[in-house]
C-alpha cells in the first residue's frame, strides 16, 4: 500500500483495487483503513479521499450488497469509479469537504495548536436564531453544487450513477442534528438534480462513523 509521510493513502491516482463480496467487505476494509493525520502532520488529499471512500464503501456494502464484488478505480473527475462485476450500473464518486471558507482557513491556521481553542462564529458573534442552520445549508449546498458541475465527472462511465461524498467540516456541525442535516442534504441533492436534469446521490459523512444519504435509490 502506498504511503505519504508513513501513513497509508489507500490508493494513489490511477490505481485500482478488487473488492470482495459484501459479506467479506467489512473485514477487507478493516484491513486497509487508517488514521488520517492532522493538518499539521502531513495530511494530503489522498488521505482525506481514502478515508471518505472507505466510509462510503462501508455504507454501500451494508445497504447495496448487490454492488459487490466490484472493482474500485482511483482516478480524476470523478475521484473514484465503482464497477460491479455483475454488470450493474457503475457508480461515479466525487469526494469533497463541506465547510465555510473562513472556518477552513481558521482550521488551517490553528492546526498545530494544542489544548482548548475558541471556535469562531459569524463576525465573532454568537450564533443567533437559526443562523447556524442557514450557514450549514449554504456550506453543504455550495459543496454539492460545485462538485456536480460537468468538469468533475468528465471521465465518468456513460450512464453511471453520480455520487457526491461530502465530509462535514462545517463550523455549525455541533448545532445541527443528523435529522436536520439529512433534510438539508436531501434538499441540496434535489436542487442539483433538477438543475442538471440528472439523478444524484449525496452522502454526508459526520463524526467518526455516521453516513447520511439522500437521492435516487436511497
Protein backbone atom coordinates (compact mmCIF):
# COMPACT_ATOMS: atom_id res chain seq x y z
CA UNK A 1 0.00 0.00 0.00
CA UNK A 2 1.33 3.44 -0.90
CA UNK A 3 2.13 5.80 1.97
CA UNK A 4 2.57 9.52 2.42
CA UNK A 5 4.66 10.58 5.43
CA UNK A 6 4.42 6.98 6.60
CA UNK A 7 0.61 6.99 6.57
CA UNK A 8 -1.29 4.75 4.12
CA UNK A 9 -3.10 6.80 1.48
CA UNK A 10 -5.21 3.85 0.32
CA UNK A 11 -4.88 4.38 -3.43
CA UNK A 12 -2.65 6.65 -5.48
CA UNK A 13 -4.19 8.17 -8.58
CA UNK A 14 -4.81 5.70 -11.43
CA UNK A 15 -4.64 2.68 -9.11
CA UNK A 16 -7.44 0.20 -8.63
CA UNK A 17 -8.46 -2.49 -6.17
CA UNK A 18 -10.60 -5.59 -6.47
CA UNK A 19 -13.22 -5.56 -3.72
CA UNK A 20 -14.74 -8.78 -2.37
CA UNK A 21 -18.43 -9.57 -1.97
CA UNK A 22 -20.50 -7.72 0.62
CA UNK A 23 -20.04 -10.41 3.29
CA UNK A 24 -16.25 -10.16 3.14
CA UNK A 25 -16.12 -6.40 2.54
CA UNK A 26 -16.13 -5.21 6.20
CA UNK A 27 -13.07 -7.31 7.06
CA UNK A 28 -11.34 -6.18 3.87
CA UNK A 29 -11.97 -2.51 4.70
CA UNK A 30 -10.81 -3.04 8.28
CA UNK A 31 -7.53 -4.24 6.84
CA UNK A 32 -6.93 -1.14 4.73
CA UNK A 33 -8.47 1.52 6.97
CA UNK A 34 -6.13 4.03 8.60
CA UNK A 35 -5.99 7.03 10.89
CA UNK A 36 -5.98 10.27 8.90
CA UNK A 37 -3.11 12.51 10.01
CA UNK A 38 -3.82 16.01 11.28
CA UNK A 39 -3.50 19.12 9.17
CA UNK A 40 -0.08 19.86 10.69
CA UNK A 41 1.02 16.21 10.44
CA UNK A 42 1.29 15.86 6.68
CA UNK A 43 -2.34 15.31 5.72
CA UNK A 44 -2.89 15.38 1.98
CA UNK A 45 -5.81 14.99 -0.39
CA UNK A 46 -5.09 11.28 -0.77
CA UNK A 47 -5.55 10.74 2.97
CA UNK A 48 -8.87 12.56 3.10
CA UNK A 49 -10.26 10.94 -0.03
CA UNK A 50 -9.10 7.49 1.05
CA UNK A 51 -10.83 7.90 4.42
CA UNK A 52 -14.04 9.11 2.78
CA UNK A 53 -14.26 6.36 0.17
CA UNK A 54 -13.70 3.67 2.82
CA UNK A 55 -16.63 5.05 4.81
CA UNK A 56 -18.78 5.27 1.68
CA UNK A 57 -17.93 1.66 0.83
CA UNK A 58 -18.98 0.53 4.30
CA UNK A 59 -22.42 2.06 3.74
CA UNK A 60 -22.72 0.64 0.24
CA UNK A 61 -21.70 -2.83 1.40
CA UNK A 62 -24.42 -2.79 4.04
CA UNK A 63 -27.18 -1.10 2.03
CA UNK A 64 -26.33 -2.09 -1.57
CA UNK A 65 -24.70 -5.53 -1.26
CA UNK A 66 -25.54 -6.43 -4.86
CA UNK A 67 -22.85 -3.96 -6.00
CA UNK A 68 -20.15 -6.32 -4.75
CA UNK A 69 -17.78 -7.86 -5.67
CA UNK A 70 -16.54 -4.87 -7.64
CA UNK A 71 -13.53 -3.03 -8.99
CA UNK A 72 -12.80 0.38 -7.49
CA UNK A 73 -10.64 2.65 -9.64
CA UNK A 74 -8.93 5.75 -8.28
CA UNK A 75 -8.81 8.44 -10.93
CA UNK A 76 -9.65 12.08 -11.62
CA UNK A 77 -13.08 13.62 -12.32
CA UNK A 78 -14.60 11.66 -10.66
CA UNK A 79 -12.25 10.64 -7.86
CA UNK A 80 -13.43 7.01 -7.77
CA UNK A 81 -15.42 4.71 -10.03
CA UNK A 82 -17.04 1.59 -8.59
CA UNK A 83 -17.65 -1.09 -11.25
CA UNK A 84 -19.76 -4.06 -10.05
CA UNK A 85 -18.53 -7.30 -11.56
CA UNK A 86 -22.09 -8.50 -12.18
CA UNK A 87 -22.58 -5.80 -14.83
CA UNK A 88 -24.73 -3.48 -12.71
CA UNK A 89 -24.55 0.26 -13.29
CA UNK A 90 -21.22 1.73 -12.15
CA UNK A 91 -21.03 4.47 -9.53
CA UNK A 92 -19.01 7.64 -10.17
CA UNK A 93 -18.00 9.09 -6.79
CA UNK A 94 -16.59 12.56 -6.21
CA UNK A 95 -15.18 13.49 -2.77
CA UNK A 96 -15.44 16.94 -1.21
CA UNK A 97 -15.44 18.84 2.08
CA UNK A 98 -18.49 20.78 3.23
CA UNK A 99 -17.35 23.77 5.25
CA UNK A 100 -17.41 27.54 5.36
CA UNK A 101 -14.34 29.09 3.72
CA UNK A 102 -13.45 31.24 6.72
CA UNK A 103 -13.73 28.25 9.04
CA UNK A 104 -11.50 26.15 6.80
CA UNK A 105 -8.88 28.89 6.92
CA UNK A 106 -9.16 29.00 10.71
CA UNK A 107 -8.65 25.24 10.93
CA UNK A 108 -5.54 25.57 8.83
CA UNK A 109 -4.12 28.38 10.96
CA UNK A 110 -4.73 26.58 14.27
CA UNK A 111 -3.89 23.03 13.18
CA UNK A 112 -0.67 22.86 15.21
CA UNK A 113 -2.16 24.37 18.37
CA UNK A 114 -2.85 22.16 21.36
CA UNK A 115 -5.47 22.49 24.08
CA UNK A 116 -8.73 24.44 24.00
CA UNK A 117 -9.34 26.75 21.05
CA UNK A 118 -12.10 29.31 20.65
CA UNK A 119 -14.22 28.22 17.69
CA UNK A 120 -15.12 31.23 15.52
CA UNK A 121 -18.71 32.19 14.79
CA UNK A 122 -20.13 34.68 12.26
CA UNK A 123 -18.45 38.08 12.64
CA UNK A 124 -17.16 36.93 16.02
CA UNK A 125 -20.68 36.90 17.49
CA UNK A 126 -22.64 34.03 18.97
CA UNK A 127 -24.98 32.09 16.72
CA UNK A 128 -28.44 33.69 16.85
CA UNK A 129 -31.79 32.15 15.94
CA UNK A 130 -31.46 29.74 13.02
CA UNK A 131 -28.21 31.27 11.75
CA UNK A 132 -26.35 28.02 12.31
CA UNK A 133 -28.82 26.02 10.21
CA UNK A 134 -28.65 28.58 7.40
CA UNK A 135 -24.84 28.56 7.43
CA UNK A 136 -24.82 24.75 7.36
CA UNK A 137 -27.26 24.65 4.44
CA UNK A 138 -25.20 27.18 2.49
CA UNK A 139 -21.93 25.29 3.07
CA UNK A 140 -23.39 21.91 2.11
CA UNK A 141 -25.32 23.27 -0.87
CA UNK A 142 -22.21 25.02 -2.17
CA UNK A 143 -20.06 21.90 -1.83
CA UNK A 144 -22.54 19.66 -3.63
CA UNK A 145 -23.38 22.26 -6.26
CA UNK A 146 -19.72 22.80 -7.09
CA UNK A 147 -18.88 19.10 -7.39
CA UNK A 148 -21.95 18.44 -9.54
CA UNK A 149 -20.53 20.52 -12.38
CA UNK A 150 -19.74 18.70 -15.60
CA UNK A 151 -15.98 19.09 -15.27
CA UNK A 152 -15.94 16.93 -12.15
CA UNK A 153 -17.42 13.94 -13.98
CA UNK A 154 -15.79 14.26 -17.38
CA UNK A 155 -14.26 10.75 -17.21
CA UNK A 156 -17.26 9.01 -15.61
CA UNK A 157 -18.60 5.94 -17.43
CA UNK A 158 -21.63 6.66 -19.59
CA UNK A 159 -24.84 6.14 -17.65
CA UNK A 160 -23.09 5.81 -14.29
CA UNK A 161 -24.79 6.78 -11.04
CA UNK A 162 -23.45 10.10 -9.81
CA UNK A 163 -22.50 10.18 -6.13
CA UNK A 164 -21.01 13.10 -4.20
CA UNK A 165 -19.45 12.17 -0.86
CA UNK A 166 -19.13 15.21 1.40
CA UNK A 167 -17.26 15.27 4.71
CA UNK A 168 -18.90 17.58 7.25
CA UNK A 169 -16.31 20.16 8.27
CA UNK A 170 -18.75 22.95 8.96
CA UNK A 171 -18.43 25.39 11.84
CA UNK A 172 -22.07 24.59 12.64
CA UNK A 173 -21.92 20.78 12.81
CA UNK A 174 -22.42 20.67 16.59
CA UNK A 175 -25.59 22.77 16.30
CA UNK A 176 -27.27 20.77 13.53
CA UNK A 177 -28.74 17.34 14.34
CA UNK A 178 -28.38 14.39 11.98
CA UNK A 179 -32.09 14.60 11.25
CA UNK A 180 -31.87 18.25 10.22
CA UNK A 181 -28.65 17.59 8.32
CA UNK A 182 -30.37 14.81 6.39
CA UNK A 183 -33.17 17.18 5.38
CA UNK A 184 -30.63 19.76 4.22
CA UNK A 185 -28.75 17.09 2.28
CA UNK A 186 -31.95 15.91 0.57
CA UNK A 187 -32.80 19.50 -0.39
CA UNK A 188 -29.33 20.15 -1.81
CA UNK A 189 -29.36 16.91 -3.81
CA UNK A 190 -32.87 17.62 -5.14
CA UNK A 191 -31.87 21.15 -6.20
CA UNK A 192 -28.85 19.89 -8.13
CA UNK A 193 -30.78 17.02 -9.72
CA UNK A 194 -33.45 19.40 -11.00
CA UNK A 195 -30.91 21.95 -12.23
CA UNK A 196 -28.81 19.39 -14.11
CA UNK A 197 -31.62 17.10 -15.20
CA UNK A 198 -29.63 14.16 -13.91
CA UNK A 199 -30.17 11.97 -10.81
CA UNK A 200 -27.68 12.34 -7.99
CA UNK A 201 -26.91 10.59 -4.71
CA UNK A 202 -25.42 12.62 -1.87
CA UNK A 203 -23.56 11.16 1.10
CA UNK A 204 -22.69 13.27 4.13
CA UNK A 205 -20.07 11.88 6.50
CA UNK A 206 -20.38 13.19 10.06
CA UNK A 207 -18.20 12.44 13.05
CA UNK A 208 -16.23 9.21 13.01
CA UNK A 209 -18.85 6.77 11.74
CA UNK A 210 -22.11 8.41 10.66
CA UNK A 211 -23.13 8.42 6.99
CA UNK A 212 -26.29 10.24 5.89
CA UNK A 213 -27.58 9.54 2.37
CA UNK A 214 -30.13 11.20 0.09
CA UNK A 215 -31.08 10.92 -3.57
CA UNK A 216 -32.06 8.24 -6.02
CA UNK A 217 -32.21 4.66 -4.79
CA UNK A 218 -31.96 5.65 -1.11
